[in-house]
Protein backbone atom coordinates (compact mmCIF):
# COMPACT_ATOMS: atom_id res chain seq x y z
CA MET A 1 -125.89 97.81 -40.35
CA LYS A 2 -122.15 98.28 -39.93
CA ARG A 3 -122.59 99.92 -36.56
CA LYS A 4 -124.85 97.13 -35.30
CA GLY A 5 -122.31 94.53 -36.38
CA LEU A 6 -119.42 96.31 -34.69
CA ILE A 7 -121.36 96.65 -31.45
CA PHE A 8 -122.33 92.99 -31.70
CA THR A 9 -118.69 92.01 -32.26
CA SER A 10 -117.52 93.81 -29.15
CA LEU A 11 -120.26 92.17 -27.10
CA VAL A 12 -119.49 88.73 -28.50
CA LEU A 13 -115.76 88.99 -27.77
CA GLY A 14 -116.57 89.30 -24.10
CA LEU A 15 -119.02 86.42 -24.24
CA LEU A 16 -116.96 83.71 -25.90
CA LEU A 17 -115.81 81.40 -23.16
CA ALA A 18 -112.68 79.38 -23.82
CA GLY A 19 -111.88 76.20 -21.99
CA GLY A 20 -112.72 72.55 -21.66
CA LEU A 21 -113.75 71.13 -24.99
CA THR A 22 -115.89 73.88 -26.51
CA LEU A 23 -116.19 77.55 -27.36
CA VAL A 24 -119.56 78.83 -26.18
CA PHE A 25 -121.41 81.71 -27.82
CA ALA A 26 -123.95 83.72 -25.83
CA ALA A 27 -125.82 85.84 -28.37
CA PRO A 28 -126.99 89.30 -27.33
CA HIS A 29 -130.72 90.05 -27.60
CA ALA A 30 -131.87 93.16 -29.46
CA GLN A 31 -132.08 94.92 -26.07
CA GLY A 32 -128.36 94.32 -25.54
CA ASP A 33 -128.53 91.66 -22.83
CA GLN A 34 -127.26 88.17 -23.60
CA THR A 35 -128.88 84.78 -23.80
CA PRO A 36 -127.93 83.10 -20.52
CA GLU A 37 -127.70 79.59 -21.94
CA GLY A 38 -125.57 80.26 -25.02
CA PHE A 39 -124.71 77.43 -27.40
CA ALA A 40 -121.59 75.59 -28.50
CA VAL A 41 -119.87 77.06 -31.54
CA ILE A 42 -116.92 74.66 -31.68
CA ALA A 43 -117.06 71.27 -29.98
CA ALA A 44 -113.88 69.40 -30.84
CA PRO A 45 -111.35 67.22 -29.01
CA GLY A 46 -108.83 69.11 -26.90
CA ASN A 47 -109.00 72.63 -25.54
CA GLN A 48 -110.21 75.39 -27.85
CA VAL A 49 -108.55 78.56 -26.53
CA HIS A 50 -107.77 82.22 -27.32
CA PRO A 51 -110.80 82.94 -29.56
CA GLN A 52 -110.90 86.15 -31.60
CA LEU A 53 -113.63 87.48 -33.92
CA ALA A 54 -113.72 89.79 -36.93
CA TYR A 55 -116.98 91.12 -38.39
CA ASN A 56 -117.44 91.20 -42.17
CA SER A 57 -119.83 94.10 -42.75
CA ILE A 58 -120.21 93.24 -46.45
CA GLU A 59 -121.27 89.59 -46.01
CA ASP A 60 -122.82 90.22 -42.55
CA GLU A 61 -120.84 87.34 -41.04
CA TYR A 62 -117.98 86.71 -38.63
CA LEU A 63 -114.71 84.84 -38.81
CA MET A 64 -113.62 83.30 -35.53
CA VAL A 65 -110.05 82.09 -35.02
CA TRP A 66 -108.72 80.08 -32.08
CA SER A 67 -105.85 77.82 -31.11
CA SER A 68 -106.03 74.17 -30.15
CA GLY A 69 -103.17 71.79 -29.52
CA GLY A 70 -100.63 74.39 -30.67
CA ASN A 71 -102.38 74.84 -34.05
CA ILE A 72 -104.64 77.63 -35.34
CA PHE A 73 -108.09 77.18 -36.83
CA ALA A 74 -110.88 79.40 -38.20
CA GLN A 75 -114.65 79.10 -38.61
CA ARG A 76 -117.13 81.35 -40.39
CA LEU A 77 -120.18 82.24 -38.30
CA SER A 78 -123.51 83.74 -39.29
CA LYS A 79 -124.58 87.00 -37.67
CA GLU A 80 -126.49 84.85 -35.15
CA GLY A 81 -123.33 82.90 -34.32
CA GLN A 82 -124.24 79.68 -36.15
CA SER A 83 -121.28 77.75 -37.60
CA ASN A 84 -120.82 77.75 -41.36
CA PRO A 85 -118.73 74.60 -42.01
CA PRO A 86 -116.07 73.58 -42.67
CA VAL A 87 -113.51 74.46 -40.00
CA ILE A 88 -110.48 75.98 -41.73
CA THR A 89 -107.00 74.88 -40.65
CA ILE A 90 -104.79 77.97 -40.68
CA THR A 91 -101.53 76.37 -39.56
CA THR A 92 -100.19 73.11 -38.18
CA ALA A 93 -96.53 74.18 -38.31
CA ARG A 94 -94.01 72.71 -35.90
CA GLY A 95 -93.91 74.29 -32.49
CA ARG A 96 -96.74 76.02 -30.72
CA GLN A 97 -98.93 78.40 -32.68
CA ASP A 98 -100.97 80.34 -30.11
CA TRP A 99 -102.79 83.65 -29.69
CA PRO A 100 -104.24 84.07 -33.18
CA ALA A 101 -105.58 87.43 -34.36
CA VAL A 102 -108.00 88.30 -37.15
CA ALA A 103 -109.17 91.49 -38.86
CA PHE A 104 -111.47 92.34 -41.77
CA ASP A 105 -110.45 94.62 -44.67
CA PRO A 106 -113.65 96.14 -46.11
CA GLN A 107 -111.76 97.72 -49.04
CA GLN A 108 -110.76 94.27 -50.33
CA ASN A 109 -113.63 92.29 -48.73
CA ARG A 110 -111.20 89.86 -47.11
CA TYR A 111 -110.00 88.78 -43.69
């Protein structure tokens, strides 16, 4: 299961499209090709940019982080890429907060 998730994560990172108003997720099929239509993961005002994913092999879920309007947000996603509300505000500090990064620590079961 861990290996499948890690492969899936690397495929998803290349398939998240940033720009406009949404982040779009194109889920890979079991054969490894992707769904051509994809679906919106985050549809919020402003530009949602610089998405990053981390795979939680214990909970079989993902945490996606991105920046929007100079702030950083996070959203849990199921293994299929479905949003698990609510959106988490990471920071709204003064100045621009861009290029977020995320990692999973399996020893502590935390991001």
